[in-house]
Amino acid sequence: MSKITYYYTSVSSNLEIKKHQQKIDMILSSKKIDFDKVDISTDAEAKNKMRELAGDPKALPPQLCNGDTYLGDFSAFDAAVEAEEIEEFLKLK
């Protein structure tokens, strides 16, 4: 099974992005879901890959993938959490 990749930025003046990233971090960690965190602010190649996987040349973090399968952005993640379908959303089942 592939590993969850969580694209984020450590450099953002956007408070909303920071809050969304903190929530994803907190939820994945609390559910003991193993994930790789990739900082797109220090790696242009990672940013390009994130945007390529998302199918959006302007996609902003946070974005989630399972291997090379694009899962969604924060709003998709948040909806899955609300519906208690996080494992399905992350394709862990």
C-alpha atoms as a PDB file:
ATOM      1  CA  MET A   1       0.000   0.000   0.000  1.00  0.00           C
ATOM      2  CA  SER A   2       1.212   3.477  -0.835  1.00  0.00           C
ATOM      3  CA  LYS A   3       1.969   6.078   1.768  1.00  0.00           C
ATOM      4  CA  ILE A   4       0.023   9.284   2.260  1.00  0.00           C
ATOM      5  CA  THR A   5       1.917  12.318   1.028  1.00  0.00           C
ATOM      6  CA  TYR A   6       0.926  15.622   2.534  1.00  0.00           C
ATOM      7  CA  TYR A   7       2.117  18.685   0.606  1.00  0.00           C
ATOM      8  CA  TYR A   8       2.393  21.798   2.743  1.00  0.00           C
ATOM      9  CA  THR A   9       4.359  25.036   2.975  1.00  0.00           C
ATOM     10  CA  SER A  10       6.433  26.177   5.920  1.00  0.00           C
ATOM     11  CA  VAL A  11       6.440  29.709   4.468  1.00  0.00           C
ATOM     12  CA  SER A  12       3.037  31.315   4.181  1.00  0.00           C
ATOM     13  CA  SER A  13       1.602  34.614   5.316  1.00  0.00           C
ATOM     14  CA  ASN A  14      -1.870  33.201   4.708  1.00  0.00           C
ATOM     15  CA  LEU A  15      -3.401  32.398   8.102  1.00  0.00           C
ATOM     16  CA  GLU A  16      -6.086  30.184   6.560  1.00  0.00           C
ATOM     17  CA  ILE A  17      -3.479  27.951   4.898  1.00  0.00           C
ATOM     18  CA  LYS A  18      -1.597  27.680   8.210  1.00  0.00           C
ATOM     19  CA  LYS A  19      -4.776  26.712  10.098  1.00  0.00           C
ATOM     20  CA  HIS A  20      -5.719  24.131   7.467  1.00  0.00           C
ATOM     21  CA  GLN A  21      -2.238  22.609   7.609  1.00  0.00           C
ATOM     22  CA  GLN A  22      -2.331  22.435  11.415  1.00  0.00           C
ATOM     23  CA  LYS A  23      -5.704  20.685  11.315  1.00  0.00           C
ATOM     24  CA  ILE A  24      -4.500  18.095   8.776  1.00  0.00           C
ATOM     25  CA  ASP A  25      -1.341  17.504  10.858  1.00  0.00           C
ATOM     26  CA  MET A  26      -3.357  17.109  14.042  1.00  0.00           C
ATOM     27  CA  ILE A  27      -5.936  14.722  12.545  1.00  0.00           C
ATOM     28  CA  LEU A  28      -3.446  12.486  10.708  1.00  0.00           C
ATOM     29  CA  SER A  29      -1.245  12.300  13.816  1.00  0.00           C
ATOM     30  CA  SER A  30      -4.139  11.661  16.212  1.00  0.00           C
ATOM     31  CA  LYS A  31      -5.398   8.813  14.006  1.00  0.00           C
ATOM     32  CA  LYS A  32      -1.833   7.428  13.836  1.00  0.00           C
ATOM     33  CA  ILE A  33      -1.868   7.581  10.037  1.00  0.00           C
ATOM     34  CA  ASP A  34       1.605   7.267   8.605  1.00  0.00           C
ATOM     35  CA  PHE A  35       2.386  10.112   6.200  1.00  0.00           C
ATOM     36  CA  ASP A  36       5.237  11.902   4.476  1.00  0.00           C
ATOM     37  CA  LYS A  37       5.262  15.661   4.807  1.00  0.00           C
ATOM     38  CA  VAL A  38       6.654  17.488   1.787  1.00  0.00           C
ATOM     39  CA  ASP A  39       7.467  21.198   2.087  1.00  0.00           C
ATOM     40  CA  ILE A  40       6.896  22.814  -1.309  1.00  0.00           C
ATOM     41  CA  SER A  41       8.433  26.122  -0.171  1.00  0.00           C
ATOM     42  CA  THR A  42      11.916  24.577  -0.102  1.00  0.00           C
ATOM     43  CA  ASP A  43      11.561  22.278  -3.113  1.00  0.00           C
ATOM     44  CA  ALA A  44      10.354  23.616  -6.485  1.00  0.00           C
ATOM     45  CA  GLU A  45      10.230  20.085  -7.892  1.00  0.00           C
ATOM     46  CA  ALA A  46       7.845  19.019  -5.111  1.00  0.00           C
ATOM     47  CA  LYS A  47       5.614  22.020  -5.830  1.00  0.00           C
ATOM     48  CA  ASN A  48       5.512  21.072  -9.517  1.00  0.00           C
ATOM     49  CA  LYS A  49       4.705  17.448  -8.656  1.00  0.00           C
ATOM     50  CA  MET A  50       1.935  18.511  -6.237  1.00  0.00           C
ATOM     51  CA  ARG A  51       0.371  20.711  -8.937  1.00  0.00           C
ATOM     52  CA  GLU A  52       0.750  18.000 -11.563  1.00  0.00           C
ATOM     53  CA  LEU A  53      -0.959  15.407  -9.312  1.00  0.00           C
ATOM     54  CA  ALA A  54      -3.728  17.883  -8.457  1.00  0.00           C
ATOM     55  CA  GLY A  55      -4.213  18.630 -12.152  1.00  0.00           C
ATOM     56  CA  ASP A  56      -4.100  22.353 -11.367  1.00  0.00           C
ATOM     57  CA  PRO A  57      -1.111  24.561 -12.260  1.00  0.00           C
ATOM     58  CA  LYS A  58      -2.147  27.034  -9.541  1.00  0.00           C
ATOM     59  CA  ALA A  59      -2.956  24.541  -6.751  1.00  0.00           C
ATOM     60  CA  LEU A  60      -1.975  25.748  -3.291  1.00  0.00           C
ATOM     61  CA  PRO A  61      -1.111  23.628  -0.277  1.00  0.00           C
ATOM     62  CA  PRO A  62      -2.267  21.751   1.647  1.00  0.00           C
ATOM     63  CA  GLN A  63      -2.856  18.900  -0.827  1.00  0.00           C
ATOM     64  CA  LEU A  64      -3.029  15.179  -0.099  1.00  0.00           C
ATOM     65  CA  CYS A  65      -1.998  12.189  -2.205  1.00  0.00           C
ATOM     66  CA  ASN A  66      -1.740   8.448  -1.711  1.00  0.00           C
ATOM     67  CA  GLY A  67       1.325   7.487  -3.719  1.00  0.00           C
ATOM     68  CA  ASP A  68       0.685   9.087  -7.105  1.00  0.00           C
ATOM     69  CA  THR A  69      -3.086   9.143  -6.588  1.00  0.00           C
ATOM     70  CA  TYR A  70      -4.395  12.633  -5.917  1.00  0.00           C
ATOM     71  CA  LEU A  71      -6.852  12.653  -3.007  1.00  0.00           C
ATOM     72  CA  GLY A  72      -7.824  16.286  -2.592  1.00  0.00           C
ATOM     73  CA  ASP A  73      -7.303  19.593  -0.877  1.00  0.00           C
ATOM     74  CA  PHE A  74      -8.256  20.764   2.602  1.00  0.00           C
ATOM     75  CA  SER A  75     -11.974  21.148   1.899  1.00  0.00           C
ATOM     76  CA  ALA A  76     -12.197  17.568   0.572  1.00  0.00           C
ATOM     77  CA  PHE A  77     -10.205  16.328   3.594  1.00  0.00           C
ATOM     78  CA  ASP A  78     -12.380  18.307   6.007  1.00  0.00           C
ATOM     79  CA  ALA A  79     -15.590  16.968   4.429  1.00  0.00           C
ATOM     80  CA  ALA A  80     -14.281  13.399   4.817  1.00  0.00           C
ATOM     81  CA  VAL A  81     -13.444  14.066   8.483  1.00  0.00           C
ATOM     82  CA  GLU A  82     -16.942  15.473   9.102  1.00  0.00           C
ATOM     83  CA  ALA A  83     -18.513  12.425   7.415  1.00  0.00           C
ATOM     84  CA  GLU A  84     -16.186  10.121   9.406  1.00  0.00           C
ATOM     85  CA  GLU A  85     -14.846   8.704   6.135  1.00  0.00           C
ATOM     86  CA  ILE A  86     -11.210   9.680   6.559  1.00  0.00           C
ATOM     87  CA  GLU A  87      -9.817   6.215   5.830  1.00  0.00           C
ATOM     88  CA  GLU A  88     -11.929   5.913   2.683  1.00  0.00           C
ATOM     89  CA  PHE A  89     -10.868   9.407   1.571  1.00  0.00           C
ATOM     90  CA  LEU A  90      -7.197   8.548   2.106  1.00  0.00           C
ATOM     91  CA  LYS A  91      -7.754   5.217   0.281  1.00  0.00           C
ATOM     92  CA  LEU A  92      -6.468   3.242   3.268  1.00  0.00           C
ATOM     93  CA  LYS A  93      -9.300   0.691   3.150  1.00  0.00           C
END
